[in-house]
N, C-alpha and C. Protein backbone atom coordinates (compact mmCIF):
# COMPACT_ATOMS: atom_id res chain seq x y z
N MET A 1 12.14 6.29 1.85
CA MET A 1 12.44 5.11 2.58
C MET A 1 10.87 5.29 3.36
N THR A 2 10.43 3.99 2.84
CA THR A 2 9.05 3.73 3.48
C THR A 2 9.28 3.22 5.11
N GLU A 3 8.57 3.95 6.09
CA GLU A 3 8.93 3.49 7.52
C GLU A 3 8.23 2.29 7.75
N PRO A 4 8.90 1.44 8.88
CA PRO A 4 8.21 -0.10 9.32
C PRO A 4 6.72 0.35 9.77
N SER A 5 6.36 -0.85 9.51
CA SER A 5 4.79 -0.69 9.83
C SER A 5 4.44 -1.30 11.30
N PHE A 6 3.82 -0.70 12.00
CA PHE A 6 3.68 -0.90 13.53
C PHE A 6 1.97 -0.45 13.97
N ALA A 7 1.26 -1.18 14.51
CA ALA A 7 0.28 -0.37 15.20
C ALA A 7 0.52 0.39 16.38
N ALA A 8 -0.45 1.44 16.26
CA ALA A 8 -0.29 2.40 17.34
C ALA A 8 -0.45 1.80 18.65
N ASP A 9 -1.07 0.92 18.66
CA ASP A 9 -1.09 0.34 20.26
C ASP A 9 -0.23 -0.87 20.63
N ASP A 10 0.71 -1.13 19.69
CA ASP A 10 1.85 -1.74 19.70
C ASP A 10 2.82 -1.48 21.03
N ARG A 11 2.56 -2.33 22.21
CA ARG A 11 3.08 -1.98 23.36
C ARG A 11 4.81 -2.33 23.27
N SER A 12 5.35 -2.80 22.28
CA SER A 12 6.71 -3.14 22.19
C SER A 12 7.44 -1.21 21.83
N LEU A 13 6.54 -0.82 21.44
CA LEU A 13 7.02 0.55 21.01
C LEU A 13 6.82 1.59 22.34
N PRO A 14 7.87 2.61 21.83
CA PRO A 14 7.78 3.98 23.14
C PRO A 14 6.74 4.59 22.92
N LEU A 15 6.39 5.06 24.25
CA LEU A 15 5.14 6.18 24.28
C LEU A 15 5.08 6.76 23.38
N ARG A 16 6.02 7.71 23.19
CA ARG A 16 6.31 8.84 22.15
C ARG A 16 5.88 8.46 20.54
N GLU A 17 6.36 7.16 20.29
CA GLU A 17 6.40 6.56 18.97
C GLU A 17 4.78 5.98 18.85
N ARG A 18 4.09 5.62 19.70
CA ARG A 18 2.47 5.15 19.62
C ARG A 18 1.58 6.49 19.29
N LYS A 19 2.43 7.44 20.11
CA LYS A 19 1.32 8.83 20.19
C LYS A 19 1.57 9.20 18.46
N ARG A 20 2.79 9.06 18.00
CA ARG A 20 2.79 9.52 16.85
C ARG A 20 1.94 8.72 15.57
N LEU A 21 1.90 7.32 15.90
CA LEU A 21 1.44 6.64 15.18
C LEU A 21 -0.17 6.76 15.24
N ARG A 22 -0.55 7.42 16.73
CA ARG A 22 -2.27 7.26 16.69
C ARG A 22 -2.41 8.78 16.27
N THR A 23 -1.36 9.67 15.89
CA THR A 23 -1.82 10.85 15.39
C THR A 23 -2.17 10.84 14.06
N ARG A 24 -0.83 9.97 13.36
CA ARG A 24 -0.93 9.84 12.13
C ARG A 24 -2.31 9.25 11.49
N ARG A 25 -2.99 8.12 12.27
CA ARG A 25 -3.84 7.40 11.89
C ARG A 25 -5.36 8.07 12.08
N ALA A 26 -5.00 9.02 13.20
CA ALA A 26 -5.90 9.99 13.39
C ALA A 26 -6.54 11.01 12.05
N LEU A 27 -5.06 11.59 11.68
CA LEU A 27 -5.54 12.49 10.27
C LEU A 27 -5.51 11.89 9.25
N ALA A 28 -5.28 10.48 8.75
CA ALA A 28 -5.56 10.18 7.90
C ALA A 28 -7.37 9.65 7.89
N ASP A 29 -7.75 9.12 8.86
CA ASP A 29 -9.00 8.67 9.04
C ASP A 29 -10.03 9.96 8.80
N THR A 30 -9.55 11.07 9.45
CA THR A 30 -10.16 12.55 9.57
C THR A 30 -10.19 12.84 7.62
N ALA A 31 -9.07 12.81 6.94
CA ALA A 31 -8.86 12.89 5.50
C ALA A 31 -9.83 12.13 4.85
N LEU A 32 -10.08 11.18 4.91
CA LEU A 32 -10.50 9.91 4.43
C LEU A 32 -12.12 10.48 4.35
N ARG A 33 -12.48 10.65 5.72
CA ARG A 33 -14.13 11.03 5.78
C ARG A 33 -14.28 12.41 5.20
N MET A 34 -13.29 13.40 5.66
CA MET A 34 -13.55 14.80 4.67
C MET A 34 -13.48 14.80 3.36
N PHE A 35 -12.89 13.98 2.67
CA PHE A 35 -12.49 13.85 1.00
C PHE A 35 -13.44 13.12 0.67
N THR A 36 -14.14 12.08 1.36
CA THR A 36 -15.38 11.40 0.75
C THR A 36 -16.47 12.02 0.82
N GLU A 37 -16.46 12.89 1.80
CA GLU A 37 -17.95 13.75 2.10
C GLU A 37 -17.94 14.86 1.16
N LYS A 38 -16.92 15.65 1.09
CA LYS A 38 -16.80 17.12 0.34
C LYS A 38 -16.01 16.82 -0.99
N GLY A 39 -15.18 15.74 -1.36
CA GLY A 39 -14.08 16.01 -2.16
C GLY A 39 -12.98 16.45 -2.11
N PHE A 40 -11.85 15.37 -2.41
CA PHE A 40 -10.31 15.78 -2.54
C PHE A 40 -9.98 17.36 -2.71
N GLU A 41 -10.50 17.84 -4.01
CA GLU A 41 -9.82 18.97 -4.22
C GLU A 41 -10.50 20.15 -3.45
N ALA A 42 -11.89 19.52 -3.32
CA ALA A 42 -12.96 21.07 -2.33
C ALA A 42 -12.36 21.08 -1.03
N THR A 43 -11.76 19.85 -0.76
CA THR A 43 -11.31 19.90 0.72
C THR A 43 -9.45 20.44 1.17
N THR A 44 -9.65 21.51 1.51
CA THR A 44 -8.44 22.31 1.68
C THR A 44 -7.59 21.84 2.99
N LEU A 45 -6.25 22.27 3.01
CA LEU A 45 -5.41 21.52 4.12
C LEU A 45 -5.85 22.19 5.36
N GLU A 46 -6.38 23.79 5.45
CA GLU A 46 -6.50 24.45 6.42
C GLU A 46 -7.59 23.60 6.91
N GLU A 47 -8.70 23.48 6.37
CA GLU A 47 -10.27 22.51 6.96
C GLU A 47 -9.55 21.10 7.31
N LEU A 48 -8.72 20.74 6.62
CA LEU A 48 -8.61 19.08 7.37
C LEU A 48 -8.01 19.16 8.73
N VAL A 49 -6.73 19.99 8.58
CA VAL A 49 -5.94 20.06 10.40
C VAL A 49 -6.85 20.85 11.19
N GLU A 50 -7.81 22.07 10.79
CA GLU A 50 -8.76 22.31 11.59
C GLU A 50 -9.66 21.28 12.32
N GLU A 51 -10.16 20.20 11.71
CA GLU A 51 -11.02 19.44 11.93
C GLU A 51 -10.41 18.35 12.55
N ALA A 52 -8.97 18.05 12.36
CA ALA A 52 -8.30 17.28 13.07
C ALA A 52 -7.87 17.82 14.33
N GLU A 53 -7.77 19.09 14.53
CA GLU A 53 -7.28 19.95 15.68
C GLU A 53 -5.66 19.85 15.93
N VAL A 54 -5.08 19.80 14.60
CA VAL A 54 -3.64 19.77 14.89
C VAL A 54 -2.98 20.89 14.05
N SER A 55 -1.91 21.26 13.78
CA SER A 55 -1.32 22.51 13.26
C SER A 55 -0.99 21.58 12.32
N LYS A 56 -0.58 22.64 11.02
CA LYS A 56 -0.07 22.20 9.59
C LYS A 56 1.40 21.69 9.88
N SER A 57 2.25 22.29 11.08
CA SER A 57 3.59 21.45 11.04
C SER A 57 3.58 19.92 11.83
N THR A 58 2.04 19.73 12.65
CA THR A 58 1.63 18.59 12.81
C THR A 58 1.95 17.31 11.68
N PHE A 59 0.90 18.10 10.66
CA PHE A 59 0.58 17.39 9.58
C PHE A 59 1.58 16.89 8.51
N PHE A 60 2.21 17.89 8.43
CA PHE A 60 3.84 17.49 7.53
C PHE A 60 4.72 16.76 7.98
N ARG A 61 4.69 16.52 9.67
CA ARG A 61 5.54 15.80 10.13
C ARG A 61 5.08 14.31 10.11
N ALA A 62 3.78 13.94 9.87
CA ALA A 62 2.99 12.63 9.37
C ALA A 62 3.14 12.55 8.12
N PHE A 63 2.75 13.40 7.20
CA PHE A 63 2.54 13.13 5.50
C PHE A 63 3.01 14.34 4.77
N PRO A 64 3.85 13.96 3.65
CA PRO A 64 4.57 14.98 3.02
C PRO A 64 3.62 15.86 1.92
N ALA A 65 2.27 15.19 1.85
CA ALA A 65 1.57 15.77 0.94
C ALA A 65 -0.14 15.98 1.44
N LYS A 66 -1.20 16.45 0.97
CA LYS A 66 -2.54 16.23 1.17
C LYS A 66 -2.67 14.79 0.51
N GLU A 67 -2.24 14.41 -0.83
CA GLU A 67 -2.33 13.33 -1.71
C GLU A 67 -2.02 11.99 -0.46
N ALA A 68 -1.04 12.35 0.37
CA ALA A 68 -0.49 10.99 0.89
C ALA A 68 -1.77 10.63 2.38
N ALA A 69 -2.10 11.66 2.90
CA ALA A 69 -3.16 11.02 3.89
C ALA A 69 -4.20 10.53 3.29
N ALA A 70 -4.29 11.04 1.99
CA ALA A 70 -5.59 10.31 1.39
C ALA A 70 -5.81 8.89 1.01
N ILE A 71 -4.35 8.43 0.66
CA ILE A 71 -4.14 7.11 0.29
C ILE A 71 -3.26 6.14 1.56
N GLU A 72 -3.57 6.68 2.71
CA GLU A 72 -2.72 5.83 3.76
C GLU A 72 -3.16 4.53 3.54
N ALA A 73 -4.19 4.04 3.46
CA ALA A 73 -4.61 2.52 3.69
C ALA A 73 -3.90 1.80 2.66
N GLU A 74 -3.73 2.27 1.13
CA GLU A 74 -2.61 1.83 0.19
C GLU A 74 -1.00 1.68 0.47
N ALA A 75 -0.71 2.89 1.22
CA ALA A 75 0.63 2.87 1.62
C ALA A 75 0.91 1.95 2.66
N GLN A 76 -0.14 1.66 3.75
CA GLN A 76 -0.13 0.90 5.03
C GLN A 76 0.46 -0.59 4.59
N VAL A 77 -0.38 -0.87 3.23
CA VAL A 77 -0.09 -2.53 2.64
C VAL A 77 1.60 -2.50 2.20
N TRP A 78 1.93 -1.36 1.59
CA TRP A 78 3.37 -1.49 0.98
C TRP A 78 4.52 -1.09 2.12
N THR A 79 4.12 -0.25 3.34
CA THR A 79 5.02 -0.39 4.22
C THR A 79 5.20 -1.84 4.76
N ALA A 80 3.96 -2.24 5.09
CA ALA A 80 4.03 -3.50 5.75
C ALA A 80 5.13 -4.66 4.94
N CYS A 81 4.57 -4.41 3.33
CA CYS A 81 5.22 -5.40 2.64
C CYS A 81 6.69 -5.30 2.36
N LEU A 82 6.99 -4.30 2.46
CA LEU A 82 8.64 -3.77 2.42
C LEU A 82 9.26 -4.27 3.43
N THR A 83 8.58 -4.22 4.84
CA THR A 83 9.36 -4.63 5.94
C THR A 83 9.57 -5.87 6.09
N ALA A 84 8.53 -6.65 5.44
CA ALA A 84 8.20 -8.15 5.72
C ALA A 84 9.32 -8.59 4.55
N LEU A 85 9.45 -7.90 3.66
CA LEU A 85 10.64 -8.54 2.56
C LEU A 85 11.89 -8.43 3.18
N GLU A 86 12.31 -7.18 3.72
CA GLU A 86 13.54 -6.69 4.26
C GLU A 86 13.96 -7.90 5.29
N ALA A 87 12.92 -8.51 6.03
CA ALA A 87 13.23 -9.57 7.11
C ALA A 87 13.29 -10.96 6.67
N ARG A 88 12.47 -11.19 5.30
CA ARG A 88 12.46 -12.23 4.94
C ARG A 88 13.64 -13.39 4.18
N GLU A 89 14.19 -14.10 4.50
CA GLU A 89 15.20 -14.76 3.71
C GLU A 89 14.71 -15.56 2.47
N LEU A 90 14.94 -15.36 1.61
CA LEU A 90 14.40 -15.75 0.27
C LEU A 90 14.84 -17.20 -0.02
N SER A 91 14.00 -18.19 -0.74
CA SER A 91 14.45 -19.54 -1.10
C SER A 91 13.53 -19.73 -2.37
N GLY A 92 13.96 -20.24 -3.38
CA GLY A 92 13.49 -20.99 -4.66
C GLY A 92 13.10 -19.70 -5.26
N VAL A 93 11.72 -19.61 -6.25
CA VAL A 93 11.85 -18.80 -6.97
C VAL A 93 10.95 -17.57 -6.31
N VAL A 94 11.84 -16.35 -7.02
CA VAL A 94 11.74 -15.38 -6.24
C VAL A 94 10.48 -14.72 -6.30
N LEU A 95 9.58 -15.11 -7.70
CA LEU A 95 8.01 -14.44 -7.71
C LEU A 95 7.16 -14.81 -7.05
N ALA A 96 7.15 -16.18 -6.34
CA ALA A 96 6.86 -16.92 -5.56
C ALA A 96 7.05 -16.54 -3.99
N GLU A 97 8.14 -16.20 -3.78
CA GLU A 97 8.37 -15.33 -2.39
C GLU A 97 7.99 -14.01 -2.46
N LEU A 98 7.75 -12.99 -3.56
CA LEU A 98 6.94 -12.28 -3.33
C LEU A 98 5.71 -12.39 -3.13
N ARG A 99 4.77 -13.10 -3.89
CA ARG A 99 3.72 -13.32 -3.66
C ARG A 99 3.30 -13.89 -2.26
N GLU A 100 3.97 -14.85 -1.78
CA GLU A 100 3.73 -15.10 -0.13
C GLU A 100 4.31 -13.87 0.63
N THR A 101 4.98 -13.03 0.57
CA THR A 101 5.05 -11.37 1.08
C THR A 101 4.05 -10.69 1.17
N LEU A 102 3.42 -10.32 0.07
CA LEU A 102 2.39 -9.72 -0.57
C LEU A 102 1.35 -10.23 0.47
N THR A 103 0.75 -11.30 -0.05
CA THR A 103 -0.30 -11.94 0.77
C THR A 103 -0.45 -12.52 2.06
N ARG A 104 0.56 -12.48 2.76
CA ARG A 104 0.87 -12.71 3.97
C ARG A 104 0.67 -11.21 4.41
N THR A 105 1.27 -10.42 4.22
CA THR A 105 1.15 -8.91 4.40
C THR A 105 -0.57 -8.48 4.61
N ALA A 106 -1.37 -8.82 3.18
CA ALA A 106 -2.45 -8.29 3.40
C ALA A 106 -3.28 -8.93 4.29
N ALA A 107 -3.12 -10.46 4.48
CA ALA A 107 -3.95 -11.11 5.52
C ALA A 107 -3.82 -11.04 7.06
N ALA A 108 -2.83 -10.26 7.61
CA ALA A 108 -2.27 -9.57 8.74
C ALA A 108 -2.70 -8.22 8.91
N LEU A 109 -3.17 -7.47 8.04
CA LEU A 109 -3.41 -6.31 8.50
C LEU A 109 -4.82 -5.98 9.37
N GLU A 110 -5.12 -5.34 9.97
CA GLU A 110 -5.83 -5.26 11.07
C GLU A 110 -7.28 -5.10 10.27
N PRO A 111 -8.52 -5.82 10.93
CA PRO A 111 -9.97 -5.84 10.27
C PRO A 111 -10.27 -4.69 10.06
N ASP A 112 -9.99 -3.34 10.36
CA ASP A 112 -10.50 -2.35 9.88
C ASP A 112 -9.77 -1.76 8.49
N TRP A 113 -8.73 -2.22 8.14
CA TRP A 113 -8.38 -2.05 6.85
C TRP A 113 -8.87 -1.88 5.61
N ASP A 114 -10.05 -3.35 5.59
CA ASP A 114 -10.87 -3.33 4.43
C ASP A 114 -11.78 -2.19 4.33
N ARG A 115 -12.44 -1.74 5.50
CA ARG A 115 -13.32 -0.76 4.85
C ARG A 115 -12.47 0.62 4.64
N ARG A 116 -11.60 0.74 5.40
CA ARG A 116 -10.56 1.78 4.69
C ARG A 116 -10.05 2.27 3.16
N TYR A 117 -9.46 0.81 3.03
CA TYR A 117 -9.42 0.47 1.63
C TYR A 117 -10.31 0.42 0.54
N VAL A 118 -11.66 0.10 0.96
CA VAL A 118 -12.55 0.21 -0.40
C VAL A 118 -12.93 1.83 -0.47
N ALA A 119 -12.86 2.38 0.85
CA ALA A 119 -12.98 3.60 0.74
C ALA A 119 -12.18 4.71 0.04
N THR A 120 -11.01 4.38 0.17
CA THR A 120 -9.82 5.03 -0.58
C THR A 120 -9.57 4.81 -1.89
N ARG A 121 -9.87 3.73 -2.22
CA ARG A 121 -9.83 2.90 -3.89
C ARG A 121 -11.17 4.05 -4.61
N ARG A 122 -12.22 3.90 -3.83
CA ARG A 122 -13.41 4.61 -4.65
C ARG A 122 -12.70 6.19 -4.60
N LEU A 123 -12.48 7.05 -3.55
CA LEU A 123 -11.89 8.16 -3.55
C LEU A 123 -10.94 8.29 -4.86
N ILE A 124 -10.22 7.24 -5.13
CA ILE A 124 -9.37 7.86 -5.79
C ILE A 124 -10.04 7.85 -7.48
N LEU A 125 -10.96 7.24 -7.78
CA LEU A 125 -11.54 7.37 -8.83
C LEU A 125 -12.11 8.56 -9.03
N THR A 126 -12.57 9.28 -8.08
CA THR A 126 -13.17 10.71 -8.25
C THR A 126 -12.16 11.73 -8.35
N ALA A 127 -10.60 11.40 -8.22
CA ALA A 127 -9.63 12.41 -8.29
C ALA A 127 -8.40 12.04 -8.85
N PRO A 128 -8.63 12.55 -10.28
CA PRO A 128 -7.46 12.17 -10.98
C PRO A 128 -5.61 12.53 -10.06
N ALA A 129 -6.12 13.63 -9.66
CA ALA A 129 -4.42 14.03 -8.63
C ALA A 129 -3.92 12.57 -7.90
N LEU A 130 -4.99 12.03 -7.31
CA LEU A 130 -4.68 11.03 -6.48
C LEU A 130 -4.17 9.47 -7.00
N LEU A 131 -5.11 9.36 -8.14
CA LEU A 131 -4.32 8.42 -9.59
C LEU A 131 -3.15 8.54 -9.48
N ALA A 132 -3.09 9.65 -10.27
CA ALA A 132 -1.55 10.10 -10.40
C ALA A 132 -0.53 9.84 -9.14
N TYR A 133 -0.67 10.15 -7.84
CA TYR A 133 -0.03 9.93 -6.76
C TYR A 133 -0.21 8.59 -6.60
N VAL A 134 -1.12 7.74 -6.63
CA VAL A 134 -0.88 6.33 -6.10
C VAL A 134 0.05 5.75 -6.98
N ASP A 135 0.07 6.12 -8.53
CA ASP A 135 1.34 6.05 -9.56
C ASP A 135 2.90 6.08 -8.80
N HIS A 136 2.54 7.34 -8.99
CA HIS A 136 4.49 7.87 -8.58
C HIS A 136 4.45 7.24 -7.13
N TYR A 137 3.64 6.41 -6.17
CA TYR A 137 4.23 5.93 -5.00
C TYR A 137 4.22 4.50 -5.38
N ARG A 138 3.84 4.01 -6.11
CA ARG A 138 3.88 2.55 -6.24
C ARG A 138 5.28 2.49 -7.16
N THR A 139 5.75 3.55 -7.69
CA THR A 139 7.23 3.54 -8.76
C THR A 139 8.43 3.55 -7.36
N GLY A 140 7.73 4.38 -6.34
CA GLY A 140 8.88 4.49 -5.59
C GLY A 140 8.81 2.90 -4.47
N VAL A 141 7.92 2.06 -4.45
CA VAL A 141 7.98 0.91 -3.68
C VAL A 141 8.79 0.07 -4.54
N GLU A 142 8.44 0.19 -6.14
CA GLU A 142 9.33 -0.70 -6.76
C GLU A 142 10.31 -0.57 -6.97
N ARG A 143 11.09 0.57 -6.78
CA ARG A 143 12.45 1.06 -6.49
C ARG A 143 12.95 0.39 -5.51
N GLN A 144 12.12 0.46 -4.13
CA GLN A 144 12.68 -0.37 -2.71
C GLN A 144 12.66 -1.98 -3.12
N VAL A 145 11.68 -2.58 -3.57
CA VAL A 145 11.79 -3.66 -4.26
C VAL A 145 13.11 -4.33 -4.92
N VAL A 146 13.50 -3.71 -5.63
CA VAL A 146 14.59 -3.52 -6.72
C VAL A 146 15.84 -3.65 -5.71
N ALA A 147 15.98 -2.54 -4.94
CA ALA A 147 17.10 -2.64 -3.97
C ALA A 147 17.21 -3.71 -3.18
N GLN A 148 15.86 -4.28 -2.44
CA GLN A 148 15.93 -5.22 -1.47
C GLN A 148 16.39 -6.97 -2.44
N LEU A 149 15.81 -6.84 -3.58
CA LEU A 149 16.45 -8.14 -4.07
C LEU A 149 17.56 -7.98 -4.41
N SER A 150 18.18 -6.67 -4.88
CA SER A 150 19.65 -6.65 -5.79
C SER A 150 20.17 -7.04 -4.38
N GLY A 151 20.17 -7.14 -3.21
CA GLY A 151 21.01 -7.25 -1.87
C GLY A 151 20.82 -8.63 -1.68
N LYS A 152 19.69 -9.23 -1.57
CA LYS A 152 19.69 -10.35 -1.33
C LYS A 152 20.08 -11.09 -2.46
N LEU A 153 20.21 -11.11 -3.49
CA LEU A 153 20.01 -11.76 -4.66
C LEU A 153 21.65 -11.82 -5.19
N GLY A 154 21.92 -10.72 -4.50
CA GLY A 154 23.69 -10.36 -5.58
C GLY A 154 23.59 -10.00 -6.92
N LEU A 155 22.52 -9.26 -7.01
CA LEU A 155 22.54 -9.05 -8.64
C LEU A 155 22.73 -7.36 -8.74
N ASP A 156 23.01 -6.63 -9.54
CA ASP A 156 23.09 -5.29 -9.97
C ASP A 156 21.65 -4.81 -10.06
N ALA A 157 21.49 -3.51 -9.05
CA ALA A 157 20.27 -2.75 -9.45
C ALA A 157 19.72 -2.68 -10.75
N ASP A 158 20.80 -2.63 -11.84
CA ASP A 158 20.06 -2.36 -12.99
C ASP A 158 19.83 -3.41 -14.03
N ASP A 159 19.67 -4.94 -13.20
CA ASP A 159 19.40 -6.02 -13.73
C ASP A 159 17.66 -5.57 -14.03
N LEU A 160 17.33 -5.84 -15.61
CA LEU A 160 16.19 -5.77 -15.75
C LEU A 160 15.11 -6.75 -15.25
N ARG A 161 15.53 -7.95 -14.69
CA ARG A 161 14.87 -8.99 -14.03
C ARG A 161 14.16 -8.58 -12.68
N LEU A 162 15.08 -7.60 -12.08
CA LEU A 162 14.59 -7.16 -10.87
C LEU A 162 13.43 -6.31 -11.02
N GLN A 163 13.41 -5.21 -11.96
CA GLN A 163 12.85 -4.10 -12.36
C GLN A 163 11.22 -5.16 -12.44
N VAL A 164 11.40 -6.06 -13.61
CA VAL A 164 9.98 -6.65 -13.84
C VAL A 164 9.21 -7.36 -12.59
N LEU A 165 10.52 -8.09 -11.80
CA LEU A 165 9.50 -8.78 -10.75
C LEU A 165 8.77 -7.62 -10.09
N ALA A 166 9.66 -6.57 -9.90
CA ALA A 166 9.02 -5.60 -8.78
C ALA A 166 7.72 -4.91 -8.95
N GLU A 167 7.67 -4.88 -10.65
CA GLU A 167 6.37 -4.27 -11.52
C GLU A 167 5.22 -5.55 -11.80
N LEU A 168 5.96 -6.55 -11.63
CA LEU A 168 4.89 -7.57 -11.50
C LEU A 168 4.02 -7.51 -10.25
N THR A 169 4.87 -7.51 -9.23
CA THR A 169 4.17 -7.35 -7.49
C THR A 169 3.16 -6.18 -7.90
N THR A 170 3.73 -5.17 -8.18
CA THR A 170 2.79 -4.01 -7.66
C THR A 170 1.35 -4.13 -8.94
N THR A 171 1.50 -4.86 -9.95
CA THR A 171 0.81 -5.18 -11.04
C THR A 171 -0.58 -6.15 -10.59
N ALA A 172 0.36 -7.14 -9.87
CA ALA A 172 -1.00 -8.20 -9.22
C ALA A 172 -1.56 -7.58 -8.10
N TRP A 173 -1.37 -6.94 -7.43
CA TRP A 173 -2.02 -6.19 -6.43
C TRP A 173 -3.29 -5.20 -6.83
N SER A 174 -2.33 -4.87 -7.98
CA SER A 174 -3.56 -3.43 -8.49
C SER A 174 -4.34 -4.25 -9.05
N VAL A 175 -4.47 -5.45 -9.80
CA VAL A 175 -5.49 -6.18 -10.50
C VAL A 175 -6.37 -6.87 -9.71
N ALA A 176 -5.74 -7.48 -8.46
CA ALA A 176 -6.68 -8.38 -7.28
C ALA A 176 -7.37 -6.96 -6.58
N ALA A 177 -6.67 -6.08 -5.83
CA ALA A 177 -7.38 -5.40 -5.41
C ALA A 177 -8.44 -4.71 -6.03
N ARG A 178 -8.11 -3.97 -7.29
CA ARG A 178 -9.14 -3.39 -8.14
C ARG A 178 -10.49 -4.49 -8.16
N ASP A 179 -10.37 -5.63 -8.53
CA ASP A 179 -11.34 -6.95 -8.64
C ASP A 179 -12.33 -6.85 -7.39
N TRP A 180 -11.54 -6.93 -6.43
CA TRP A 180 -12.12 -7.11 -4.84
C TRP A 180 -12.77 -5.66 -4.63
N VAL A 181 -12.14 -4.82 -4.56
CA VAL A 181 -13.34 -3.54 -4.45
C VAL A 181 -14.34 -3.30 -5.33
N ARG A 182 -14.34 -3.92 -6.70
CA ARG A 182 -15.48 -3.58 -7.64
C ARG A 182 -16.56 -4.62 -7.24
N HIS A 183 -16.00 -5.78 -6.29
CA HIS A 183 -17.14 -6.71 -5.69
C HIS A 183 -17.23 -6.45 -4.32
N ASP A 184 -17.14 -5.05 -3.87
CA ASP A 184 -17.49 -4.28 -2.49
C ASP A 184 -16.70 -5.44 -1.63
N ALA A 185 -15.60 -6.03 -1.65
CA ALA A 185 -14.88 -6.80 -0.80
C ALA A 185 -15.42 -7.79 -0.50
N ARG A 186 -16.74 -8.35 -1.00
CA ARG A 186 -17.44 -9.42 -0.54
C ARG A 186 -16.27 -10.65 -0.22
N GLY A 187 -16.41 -11.32 0.67
CA GLY A 187 -15.51 -12.37 1.10
C GLY A 187 -14.61 -11.63 2.07
N GLY A 188 -14.44 -10.57 2.10
CA GLY A 188 -13.12 -10.23 3.28
C GLY A 188 -11.51 -10.56 2.81
N ARG A 189 -10.68 -10.60 3.76
CA ARG A 189 -10.02 -10.72 3.55
C ARG A 189 -9.14 -11.97 2.36
N THR A 190 -9.97 -12.98 2.95
CA THR A 190 -9.72 -14.40 2.36
C THR A 190 -10.07 -14.22 0.82
N ALA A 191 -11.00 -13.42 0.57
CA ALA A 191 -11.14 -13.43 -1.23
C ALA A 191 -10.30 -12.48 -1.50
N LEU A 192 -9.68 -11.60 -0.81
CA LEU A 192 -8.61 -10.88 -1.41
C LEU A 192 -7.47 -11.45 -1.60
N VAL A 193 -7.30 -12.33 -0.69
CA VAL A 193 -6.02 -13.33 -0.72
C VAL A 193 -5.94 -14.05 -2.18
N GLU A 194 -7.11 -14.96 -2.35
CA GLU A 194 -7.37 -15.48 -3.19
C GLU A 194 -7.41 -15.14 -4.62
N ARG A 195 -7.67 -13.61 -4.48
CA ARG A 195 -7.49 -12.85 -6.21
C ARG A 195 -6.11 -12.80 -6.15
N LEU A 196 -5.13 -12.33 -5.17
CA LEU A 196 -3.81 -12.14 -5.45
C LEU A 196 -3.36 -13.42 -5.87
N HIS A 197 -3.29 -14.46 -5.19
CA HIS A 197 -2.76 -15.65 -5.69
C HIS A 197 -3.22 -16.10 -6.96
N GLY A 198 -4.42 -15.65 -7.40
CA GLY A 198 -4.92 -15.69 -8.88
C GLY A 198 -4.13 -15.03 -9.61
N ALA A 199 -3.93 -13.65 -9.43
CA ALA A 199 -3.02 -12.70 -10.36
C ALA A 199 -1.61 -13.30 -10.82
N PHE A 200 -1.19 -13.48 -9.54
CA PHE A 200 0.43 -14.00 -9.74
C PHE A 200 0.40 -15.40 -10.31
N ASP A 201 -0.56 -16.37 -10.07
CA ASP A 201 -0.77 -17.70 -10.97
C ASP A 201 -0.88 -17.37 -12.42
N ALA A 202 -1.52 -16.02 -12.68
CA ALA A 202 -1.80 -15.69 -14.27
C ALA A 202 -0.33 -15.33 -15.16
N VAL A 203 0.64 -14.85 -14.21
CA VAL A 203 1.83 -14.27 -14.93
C VAL A 203 2.17 -15.26 -16.02
N PRO A 204 2.40 -16.64 -15.23
CA PRO A 204 3.50 -17.61 -16.60
C PRO A 204 2.22 -18.15 -17.40
N ALA A 205 0.69 -18.18 -17.01
CA ALA A 205 -0.34 -18.69 -17.86
C ALA A 205 -0.35 -17.31 -19.00
N ALA A 206 0.18 -16.26 -18.56
CA ALA A 206 -0.27 -15.23 -19.76
C ALA A 206 0.93 -15.14 -20.67
N LEU A 207 2.11 -15.34 -19.87
CA LEU A 207 3.22 -15.72 -20.91
C LEU A 207 3.12 -16.81 -21.83
N GLY A 208 2.78 -17.87 -21.50
CA GLY A 208 2.30 -18.75 -22.37
C GLY A 208 1.34 -18.73 -23.32
N LEU A 209 0.30 -17.83 -23.19
CA LEU A 209 -0.64 -17.43 -24.20
C LEU A 209 -0.03 -17.23 -25.72
N SER A 210 -0.47 -17.96 -26.60
CA SER A 210 -0.16 -17.92 -28.10
C SER A 210 -1.21 -18.30 -28.93
N VAL A 211 -1.21 -17.68 -30.33
CA VAL A 211 -2.40 -17.57 -31.19
C VAL A 211 -2.00 -18.85 -32.40
N GLY A 212 -2.91 -19.46 -32.69
CA GLY A 212 -2.56 -20.59 -33.77
C GLY A 212 -2.54 -21.96 -33.35
């Protein structure tokens, strides 16, 4: 299960939880820097924990694998999105509700996320293992979206419509974010949100395409 999204300086959280989140962020930042400078495969876990000045056990309390630390900026989006979706009371067209949940999530991420996400996506392009890990991670996100929609809509989790909606959501993100990164994140978060709206709007338009 993806954990709720909170900032490490959120004073509503207990001190112990804030410390845990700060450790997680420090590890992710160190990992992204080292993987970018030296390469993902070339950087060992031993080197990473030594640089971050933590033990391996501390690392594995924060992340299940080296790959997870590398894609933390990606995971942050979906952690926050799933938390927001769980709290949201759905009304009207479900795909539009998913679009609004995801775009509001993206807009609310802290300013430094842009830089980290661009660096993360560029890193992923250099390491096939990371690309595979992101695909695996998003599959888990889709399962959680299906589970939430199933409960909210009173539909069986095997309903293919729910799977299609979940996969359309992650695909819209992939298309929009990839284009945003390709343009060096110009326009900032506003440009990303605009691309997200465009990607979701393209779904019915694409389904209506015909030849002849």
